[in-house]
Each structure stands twice: as C-alpha cells, then as structure tokens.
PDB file of N, CA and C in Angstrom:
ATOM      1  N   MET A   1      26.747   5.114 -29.599  1.00  0.00           N
ATOM      2  CA  MET A   1      26.994   4.506 -28.182  1.00  0.00           C
ATOM      3  C   MET A   1      28.386   3.559 -28.157  1.00  0.00           C
ATOM      4  N   GLY A   2      28.359   2.599 -29.186  1.00  0.00           N
ATOM      5  CA  GLY A   2      29.611   1.833 -29.252  1.00  0.00           C
ATOM      6  C   GLY A   2      29.550   0.867 -29.962  1.00  0.00           C
ATOM      7  N   ALA A   3      30.411  -0.077 -29.805  1.00  0.00           N
ATOM      8  CA  ALA A   3      30.523  -1.211 -30.995  1.00  0.00           C
ATOM      9  C   ALA A   3      30.969  -2.641 -29.993  1.00  0.00           C
ATOM     10  N   TRP A   4      30.554  -3.543 -30.527  1.00  0.00           N
ATOM     11  CA  TRP A   4      31.089  -4.719 -29.858  1.00  0.00           C
ATOM     12  C   TRP A   4      32.128  -5.468 -30.876  1.00  0.00           C
ATOM     13  N   MET A   5      32.847  -6.344 -30.126  1.00  0.00           N
ATOM     14  CA  MET A   5      33.858  -7.156 -30.734  1.00  0.00           C
ATOM     15  C   MET A   5      33.774  -8.754 -30.544  1.00  0.00           C
ATOM     16  N   THR A   6      33.474  -9.482 -31.503  1.00  0.00           N
ATOM     17  CA  THR A   6      33.816 -10.963 -31.186  1.00  0.00           C
ATOM     18  C   THR A   6      34.552 -11.439 -32.355  1.00  0.00           C
ATOM     19  N   SER A   7      35.441 -12.111 -32.392  1.00  0.00           N
ATOM     20  CA  SER A   7      35.996 -12.889 -33.454  1.00  0.00           C
ATOM     21  C   SER A   7      36.820 -11.641 -34.316  1.00  0.00           C
ATOM     22  N   GLY A   8      37.212 -10.633 -33.485  1.00  0.00           N
ATOM     23  CA  GLY A   8      37.964  -9.431 -34.301  1.00  0.00           C
ATOM     24  C   GLY A   8      37.026  -8.639 -35.143  1.00  0.00           C
ATOM     25  N   GLN A   9      35.725  -8.914 -35.080  1.00  0.00           N
ATOM     26  CA  GLN A   9      34.952  -8.034 -36.043  1.00  0.00           C
ATOM     27  C   GLN A   9      34.188  -6.929 -35.083  1.00  0.00           C
ATOM     28  N   PHE A  10      34.261  -5.709 -35.349  1.00  0.00           N
ATOM     29  CA  PHE A  10      33.396  -4.724 -34.795  1.00  0.00           C
ATOM     30  C   PHE A  10      32.031  -4.364 -35.456  1.00  0.00           C
ATOM     31  N   LYS A  11      31.136  -4.190 -34.613  1.00  0.00           N
ATOM     32  CA  LYS A  11      29.744  -3.939 -35.221  1.00  0.00           C
ATOM     33  C   LYS A  11      29.060  -2.698 -34.551  1.00  0.00           C
ATOM     34  N   PRO A  12      28.404  -1.981 -34.907  1.00  0.00           N
ATOM     35  CA  PRO A  12      27.549  -0.939 -34.092  1.00  0.00           C
ATOM     36  C   PRO A  12      26.350  -1.831 -33.260  1.00  0.00           C
ATOM     37  N   ILE A  13      26.187  -1.161 -32.139  1.00  0.00           N
ATOM     38  CA  ILE A  13      25.331  -1.945 -31.157  1.00  0.00           C
ATOM     39  C   ILE A  13      23.861  -2.055 -31.955  1.00  0.00           C
ATOM     40  N   PRO A  14      23.334  -0.968 -32.563  1.00  0.00           N
ATOM     41  CA  PRO A  14      21.932  -1.325 -33.294  1.00  0.00           C
ATOM     42  C   PRO A  14      22.119  -2.332 -34.301  1.00  0.00           C
ATOM     43  N   GLN A  15      23.179  -2.686 -34.846  1.00  0.00           N
ATOM     44  CA  GLN A  15      23.191  -3.765 -35.920  1.00  0.00           C
ATOM     45  C   GLN A  15      23.168  -5.083 -35.063  1.00  0.00           C
ATOM     46  N   ILE A  16      23.994  -5.215 -33.908  1.00  0.00           N
ATOM     47  CA  ILE A  16      23.896  -6.354 -33.091  1.00  0.00           C
ATOM     48  C   ILE A  16      22.461  -6.747 -32.486  1.00  0.00           C
ATOM     49  N   ILE A  17      21.793  -5.608 -32.086  1.00  0.00           N
ATOM     50  CA  ILE A  17      20.495  -5.839 -31.669  1.00  0.00           C
ATOM     51  C   ILE A  17      19.574  -6.589 -32.754  1.00  0.00           C
ATOM     52  N   LEU A  18      19.695  -6.089 -33.936  1.00  0.00           N
ATOM     53  CA  LEU A  18      18.802  -6.617 -35.106  1.00  0.00           C
ATOM     54  C   LEU A  18      19.484  -8.016 -35.386  1.00  0.00           C
ATOM     55  N   GLU A  19      20.516  -8.309 -35.232  1.00  0.00           N
ATOM     56  CA  GLU A  19      21.071  -9.494 -35.539  1.00  0.00           C
ATOM     57  C   GLU A  19      20.719 -10.646 -34.432  1.00  0.00           C
ATOM     58  N   LEU A  20      20.116 -10.173 -33.226  1.00  0.00           N
ATOM     59  CA  LEU A  20      20.202 -11.216 -31.963  1.00  0.00           C
ATOM     60  C   LEU A  20      18.792 -12.015 -32.558  1.00  0.00           C
ATOM     61  N   THR A  21      18.773 -13.260 -31.956  1.00  0.00           N
ATOM     62  CA  THR A  21      17.842 -14.338 -32.350  1.00  0.00           C
ATOM     63  C   THR A  21      16.679 -13.730 -31.515  1.00  0.00           C
ATOM     64  N   PRO A  22      15.458 -14.285 -31.964  1.00  0.00           N
ATOM     65  CA  PRO A  22      14.185 -13.630 -31.085  1.00  0.00           C
ATOM     66  C   PRO A  22      14.309 -13.944 -29.755  1.00  0.00           C
ATOM     67  N   VAL A  23      14.727 -15.094 -29.292  1.00  0.00           N
ATOM     68  CA  VAL A  23      14.991 -15.374 -27.853  1.00  0.00           C
ATOM     69  C   VAL A  23      15.906 -14.372 -27.067  1.00  0.00           C
ATOM     70  N   GLN A  24      17.053 -14.059 -27.873  1.00  0.00           N
ATOM     71  CA  GLN A  24      18.124 -13.236 -27.021  1.00  0.00           C
ATOM     72  C   GLN A  24      17.353 -11.723 -27.108  1.00  0.00           C
ATOM     73  N   GLN A  25      16.552 -11.241 -28.303  1.00  0.00           N
ATOM     74  CA  GLN A  25      15.829  -9.889 -28.207  1.00  0.00           C
ATOM     75  C   GLN A  25      14.988  -9.866 -27.133  1.00  0.00           C
ATOM     76  N   GLN A  26      14.201 -10.846 -26.781  1.00  0.00           N
ATOM     77  CA  GLN A  26      13.190 -10.959 -25.702  1.00  0.00           C
ATOM     78  C   GLN A  26      13.869 -10.885 -24.377  1.00  0.00           C
ATOM     79  N   SER A  27      15.197 -11.459 -24.308  1.00  0.00           N
ATOM     80  CA  SER A  27      15.936 -11.476 -23.043  1.00  0.00           C
ATOM     81  C   SER A  27      16.163 -10.136 -22.689  1.00  0.00           C
ATOM     82  N   LEU A  28      16.857  -9.393 -23.794  1.00  0.00           N
ATOM     83  CA  LEU A  28      17.316  -8.159 -23.652  1.00  0.00           C
ATOM     84  C   LEU A  28      16.139  -7.174 -23.420  1.00  0.00           C
ATOM     85  N   CYS A  29      15.038  -7.251 -24.052  1.00  0.00           N
ATOM     86  CA  CYS A  29      13.787  -6.529 -23.866  1.00  0.00           C
ATOM     87  C   CYS A  29      13.383  -6.682 -22.545  1.00  0.00           C
ATOM     88  N   ASP A  30      13.072  -7.975 -21.764  1.00  0.00           N
ATOM     89  CA  ASP A  30      12.898  -8.225 -20.512  1.00  0.00           C
ATOM     90  C   ASP A  30      13.751  -7.441 -19.628  1.00  0.00           C
ATOM     91  N   ASP A  31      15.028  -7.333 -19.686  1.00  0.00           N
ATOM     92  CA  ASP A  31      15.969  -6.730 -18.939  1.00  0.00           C
ATOM     93  C   ASP A  31      15.768  -5.181 -18.779  1.00  0.00           C
ATOM     94  N   VAL A  32      15.357  -4.529 -19.974  1.00  0.00           N
ATOM     95  CA  VAL A  32      15.241  -3.043 -20.088  1.00  0.00           C
ATOM     96  C   VAL A  32      13.719  -2.842 -19.616  1.00  0.00           C
ATOM     97  N   TYR A  33      12.848  -3.695 -19.941  1.00  0.00           N
ATOM     98  CA  TYR A  33      11.492  -3.474 -19.352  1.00  0.00           C
ATOM     99  C   TYR A  33      11.365  -3.533 -18.059  1.00  0.00           C
ATOM    100  N   LEU A  34      12.102  -4.140 -17.261  1.00  0.00           N
ATOM    101  CA  LEU A  34      12.336  -3.945 -15.710  1.00  0.00           C
ATOM    102  C   LEU A  34      12.573  -2.596 -15.350  1.00  0.00           C
ATOM    103  N   LEU A  35      13.208  -1.847 -16.279  1.00  0.00           N
ATOM    104  CA  LEU A  35      13.750  -0.426 -15.808  1.00  0.00           C
ATOM    105  C   LEU A  35      12.526   0.593 -16.235  1.00  0.00           C
ATOM    106  N   ILE A  36      11.700   0.198 -17.097  1.00  0.00           N
ATOM    107  CA  ILE A  36      10.738   1.175 -17.597  1.00  0.00           C
ATOM    108  C   ILE A  36       9.148   0.759 -17.322  1.00  0.00           C
ATOM    109  N   ARG A  37       8.996  -0.274 -16.704  1.00  0.00           N
ATOM    110  CA  ARG A  37       7.847  -0.747 -16.471  1.00  0.00           C
ATOM    111  C   ARG A  37       6.785   0.185 -15.707  1.00  0.00           C
ATOM    112  N   ASN A  38       7.314   1.132 -14.968  1.00  0.00           N
ATOM    113  CA  ASN A  38       6.460   2.039 -14.157  1.00  0.00           C
ATOM    114  C   ASN A  38       6.370   3.135 -14.745  1.00  0.00           C
ATOM    115  N   LEU A  39       6.760   3.569 -15.953  1.00  0.00           N
ATOM    116  CA  LEU A  39       6.747   4.765 -16.538  1.00  0.00           C
ATOM    117  C   LEU A  39       5.222   4.688 -17.396  1.00  0.00           C
ATOM    118  N   ASP A  40       4.686   5.878 -17.560  1.00  0.00           N
ATOM    119  CA  ASP A  40       3.445   5.950 -18.269  1.00  0.00           C
ATOM    120  C   ASP A  40       3.683   6.431 -19.647  1.00  0.00           C
ATOM    121  N   TRP A  41       3.727   5.668 -20.606  1.00  0.00           N
ATOM    122  CA  TRP A  41       3.752   6.083 -21.998  1.00  0.00           C
ATOM    123  C   TRP A  41       2.968   5.234 -22.886  1.00  0.00           C
ATOM    124  N   THR A  42       2.668   5.891 -24.169  1.00  0.00           N
ATOM    125  CA  THR A  42       1.822   5.231 -24.919  1.00  0.00           C
ATOM    126  C   THR A  42       2.496   4.785 -26.353  1.00  0.00           C
ATOM    127  N   ASP A  43       3.590   5.295 -26.711  1.00  0.00           N
ATOM    128  CA  ASP A  43       4.228   4.892 -27.933  1.00  0.00           C
ATOM    129  C   ASP A  43       5.727   5.026 -27.756  1.00  0.00           C
ATOM    130  N   ALA A  44       6.486   4.480 -28.806  1.00  0.00           N
ATOM    131  CA  ALA A  44       7.704   4.468 -28.688  1.00  0.00           C
ATOM    132  C   ALA A  44       8.399   5.920 -28.567  1.00  0.00           C
ATOM    133  N   THR A  45       7.870   6.767 -29.516  1.00  0.00           N
ATOM    134  CA  THR A  45       8.449   8.245 -29.378  1.00  0.00           C
ATOM    135  C   THR A  45       8.343   8.731 -27.834  1.00  0.00           C
ATOM    136  N   GLN A  46       7.301   8.650 -27.375  1.00  0.00           N
ATOM    137  CA  GLN A  46       7.043   9.023 -25.770  1.00  0.00           C
ATOM    138  C   GLN A  46       8.051   8.415 -25.119  1.00  0.00           C
ATOM    139  N   LEU A  47       8.202   7.104 -25.094  1.00  0.00           N
ATOM    140  CA  LEU A  47       8.959   6.370 -24.204  1.00  0.00           C
ATOM    141  C   LEU A  47      10.656   6.854 -24.463  1.00  0.00           C
ATOM    142  N   ILE A  48      10.895   7.073 -25.709  1.00  0.00           N
ATOM    143  CA  ILE A  48      12.263   7.532 -25.948  1.00  0.00           C
ATOM    144  C   ILE A  48      12.423   8.931 -25.393  1.00  0.00           C
ATOM    145  N   MET A  49      11.589   9.764 -25.378  1.00  0.00           N
ATOM    146  CA  MET A  49      11.579  11.046 -24.712  1.00  0.00           C
ATOM    147  C   MET A  49      11.722  11.064 -23.349  1.00  0.00           C
ATOM    148  N   LEU A  50      10.904  10.077 -22.573  1.00  0.00           N
ATOM    149  CA  LEU A  50      11.150   9.875 -21.235  1.00  0.00           C
ATOM    150  C   LEU A  50      12.310   9.492 -20.666  1.00  0.00           C
ATOM    151  N   VAL A  51      12.802   8.345 -21.472  1.00  0.00           N
ATOM    152  CA  VAL A  51      13.980   7.868 -20.988  1.00  0.00           C
ATOM    153  C   VAL A  51      15.282   8.857 -21.358  1.00  0.00           C
ATOM    154  N   MET A  52      15.325   9.634 -22.404  1.00  0.00           N
ATOM    155  CA  MET A  52      16.359  10.566 -22.799  1.00  0.00           C
ATOM    156  C   MET A  52      16.261  11.702 -21.910  1.00  0.00           C
ATOM    157  N   GLY A  53      15.137  12.024 -21.310  1.00  0.00           N
ATOM    158  CA  GLY A  53      15.015  13.174 -20.527  1.00  0.00           C
ATOM    159  C   GLY A  53      15.361  12.800 -19.068  1.00  0.00           C
ATOM    160  N   ASN A  54      15.625  11.762 -18.804  1.00  0.00           N
ATOM    161  CA  ASN A  54      15.943  11.192 -17.391  1.00  0.00           C
ATOM    162  C   ASN A  54      17.323  10.663 -17.449  1.00  0.00           C
ATOM    163  N   CYS A  55      18.323  11.366 -16.967  1.00  0.00           N
ATOM    164  CA  CYS A  55      19.782  11.037 -17.013  1.00  0.00           C
ATOM    165  C   CYS A  55      19.998   9.668 -16.215  1.00  0.00           C
ATOM    166  N   SER A  56      19.442   9.664 -15.067  1.00  0.00           N
ATOM    167  CA  SER A  56      19.565   8.325 -14.468  1.00  0.00           C
ATOM    168  C   SER A  56      19.056   7.136 -15.067  1.00  0.00           C
ATOM    169  N   LEU A  57      17.773   7.233 -15.268  1.00  0.00           N
ATOM    170  CA  LEU A  57      17.104   6.308 -16.159  1.00  0.00           C
ATOM    171  C   LEU A  57      17.871   5.914 -17.571  1.00  0.00           C
ATOM    172  N   LYS A  58      18.429   6.972 -18.262  1.00  0.00           N
ATOM    173  CA  LYS A  58      19.155   6.641 -19.466  1.00  0.00           C
ATOM    174  C   LYS A  58      20.424   5.939 -19.105  1.00  0.00           C
ATOM    175  N   GLN A  59      21.100   6.253 -17.912  1.00  0.00           N
ATOM    176  CA  GLN A  59      22.148   5.580 -17.600  1.00  0.00           C
ATOM    177  C   GLN A  59      21.975   3.986 -17.341  1.00  0.00           C
ATOM    178  N   GLN A  60      20.813   3.783 -16.725  1.00  0.00           N
ATOM    179  CA  GLN A  60      20.371   2.398 -16.252  1.00  0.00           C
ATOM    180  C   GLN A  60      20.014   1.602 -17.557  1.00  0.00           C
ATOM    181  N   VAL A  61      19.586   2.113 -18.415  1.00  0.00           N
ATOM    182  CA  VAL A  61      19.057   1.425 -19.685  1.00  0.00           C
ATOM    183  C   VAL A  61      20.444   1.223 -20.415  1.00  0.00           C
ATOM    184  N   VAL A  62      21.336   2.231 -20.635  1.00  0.00           N
ATOM    185  CA  VAL A  62      22.539   1.819 -21.258  1.00  0.00           C
ATOM    186  C   VAL A  62      23.369   0.813 -20.501  1.00  0.00           C
ATOM    187  N   ALA A  63      23.333   0.891 -19.309  1.00  0.00           N
ATOM    188  CA  ALA A  63      24.190  -0.053 -18.327  1.00  0.00           C
ATOM    189  C   ALA A  63      23.324  -1.569 -18.663  1.00  0.00           C
ATOM    190  N   ALA A  64      22.293  -1.639 -18.711  1.00  0.00           N
ATOM    191  CA  ALA A  64      21.522  -2.978 -18.935  1.00  0.00           C
ATOM    192  C   ALA A  64      21.930  -3.630 -20.376  1.00  0.00           C
ATOM    193  N   LEU A  65      22.113  -2.676 -21.323  1.00  0.00           N
ATOM    194  CA  LEU A  65      22.473  -2.946 -22.756  1.00  0.00           C
ATOM    195  C   LEU A  65      23.877  -3.517 -22.707  1.00  0.00           C
ATOM    196  N   VAL A  66      24.697  -2.655 -22.073  1.00  0.00           N
ATOM    197  CA  VAL A  66      26.217  -3.023 -21.862  1.00  0.00           C
ATOM    198  C   VAL A  66      26.318  -4.303 -21.341  1.00  0.00           C
ATOM    199  N   ASN A  67      25.545  -4.500 -20.090  1.00  0.00           N
ATOM    200  CA  ASN A  67      25.715  -5.741 -19.332  1.00  0.00           C
ATOM    201  C   ASN A  67      25.237  -6.872 -20.198  1.00  0.00           C
ATOM    202  N   TYR A  68      24.274  -6.760 -20.973  1.00  0.00           N
ATOM    203  CA  TYR A  68      23.603  -7.753 -21.808  1.00  0.00           C
ATOM    204  C   TYR A  68      24.693  -8.337 -22.941  1.00  0.00           C
ATOM    205  N   ILE A  69      25.099  -7.326 -23.602  1.00  0.00           N
ATOM    206  CA  ILE A  69      26.174  -7.609 -24.423  1.00  0.00           C
ATOM    207  C   ILE A  69      27.323  -8.214 -24.044  1.00  0.00           C
ATOM    208  N   SER A  70      27.980  -7.771 -23.062  1.00  0.00           N
ATOM    209  CA  SER A  70      29.206  -8.297 -22.311  1.00  0.00           C
ATOM    210  C   SER A  70      29.098  -9.397 -21.682  1.00  0.00           C
ATOM    211  N   LYS A  71      27.983  -9.762 -21.002  1.00  0.00           N
ATOM    212  CA  LYS A  71      27.873 -11.018 -20.131  1.00  0.00           C
ATOM    213  C   LYS A  71      27.224 -12.113 -21.025  1.00  0.00           C
ATOM    214  N   GLU A  72      26.151 -11.798 -21.711  1.00  0.00           N
ATOM    215  CA  GLU A  72      25.444 -12.863 -22.525  1.00  0.00           C
ATOM    216  C   GLU A  72      26.105 -13.215 -23.601  1.00  0.00           C
ATOM    217  N   LEU A  73      26.475 -12.202 -24.476  1.00  0.00           N
ATOM    218  CA  LEU A  73      27.171 -12.500 -25.835  1.00  0.00           C
ATOM    219  C   LEU A  73      28.819 -12.550 -25.771  1.00  0.00           C
ATOM    220  N   GLN A  74      29.253 -12.465 -24.562  1.00  0.00           N
ATOM    221  CA  GLN A  74      30.719 -12.447 -24.324  1.00  0.00           C
ATOM    222  C   GLN A  74      31.459 -11.524 -25.363  1.00  0.00           C
ATOM    223  N   ALA A  75      30.950 -10.357 -25.387  1.00  0.00           N
ATOM    224  CA  ALA A  75      31.506  -9.272 -26.484  1.00  0.00           C
ATOM    225  C   ALA A  75      32.186  -8.134 -25.707  1.00  0.00           C
ATOM    226  N   GLU A  76      33.033  -7.750 -26.229  1.00  0.00           N
ATOM    227  CA  GLU A  76      33.802  -6.498 -25.889  1.00  0.00           C
ATOM    228  C   GLU A  76      33.147  -5.169 -26.404  1.00  0.00           C
ATOM    229  N   ILE A  77      32.778  -4.268 -25.482  1.00  0.00           N
ATOM    230  CA  ILE A  77      32.248  -2.980 -25.842  1.00  0.00           C
ATOM    231  C   ILE A  77      33.309  -1.983 -26.004  1.00  0.00           C
ATOM    232  N   GLN A  78      33.405  -1.263 -27.190  1.00  0.00           N
ATOM    233  CA  GLN A  78      34.343  -0.025 -27.368  1.00  0.00           C
ATOM    234  C   GLN A  78      33.634   1.053 -27.726  1.00  0.00           C
ATOM    235  N   TYR A  79      33.979   2.093 -27.070  1.00  0.00           N
ATOM    236  CA  TYR A  79      33.277   3.226 -27.146  1.00  0.00           C
ATOM    237  C   TYR A  79      34.017   4.265 -28.122  1.00  0.00           C
ATOM    238  N   GLY A  80      33.364   4.948 -28.951  1.00  0.00           N
ATOM    239  CA  GLY A  80      33.773   5.666 -29.998  1.00  0.00           C
ATOM    240  C   GLY A  80      33.303   7.062 -30.081  1.00  0.00           C
ATOM    241  N   ASP A  81      33.665   7.838 -30.940  1.00  0.00           N
ATOM    242  CA  ASP A  81      33.133   9.134 -31.177  1.00  0.00           C
ATOM    243  C   ASP A  81      31.780   9.089 -32.035  1.00  0.00           C
TER     244      ASP A  81
END
C-alpha cells in the first residue's frame, strides 16, 4: 500500500502498525471500527473479504489509515509499486 517517513526513514505501513503503542493501536482500531461496525462478520477472514469486495468501503478504510498516519503520527505517506 505504501510507506511512511519520519526522520528520513521509510517503513512499510504494516510494520508501522505493529510498532504503534497499544493506545495508538486502539485509536486506529476505533477509527476503522466506525466504518465496519454495521457489517455482519464472524472472523478476520470474513471481514477482509467483505472490505476487499466493497470498493467504497475499502477506500474508506484506506483513507482512515492514511489520515491516522499523516495526522496523528505526522508522517508522510509515499506510494510505491
């Protein structure tokens, strides 16, 4: 999806999510949960399929992630192949 940069260091977004503090992870989770709370899902696999199968919802989840990283972490998002 992309990478972020702070202090001249680029990292993949999944790595950044893993390195967030528990409080930061919960804040990001709360932001995304607002988008998926009305979906009917029972496990992560089903949730991923629902989100990935809905272009609008997928864009909203990505936007929430980008917004959190850029605003809360003051990081620059760079998209690559």
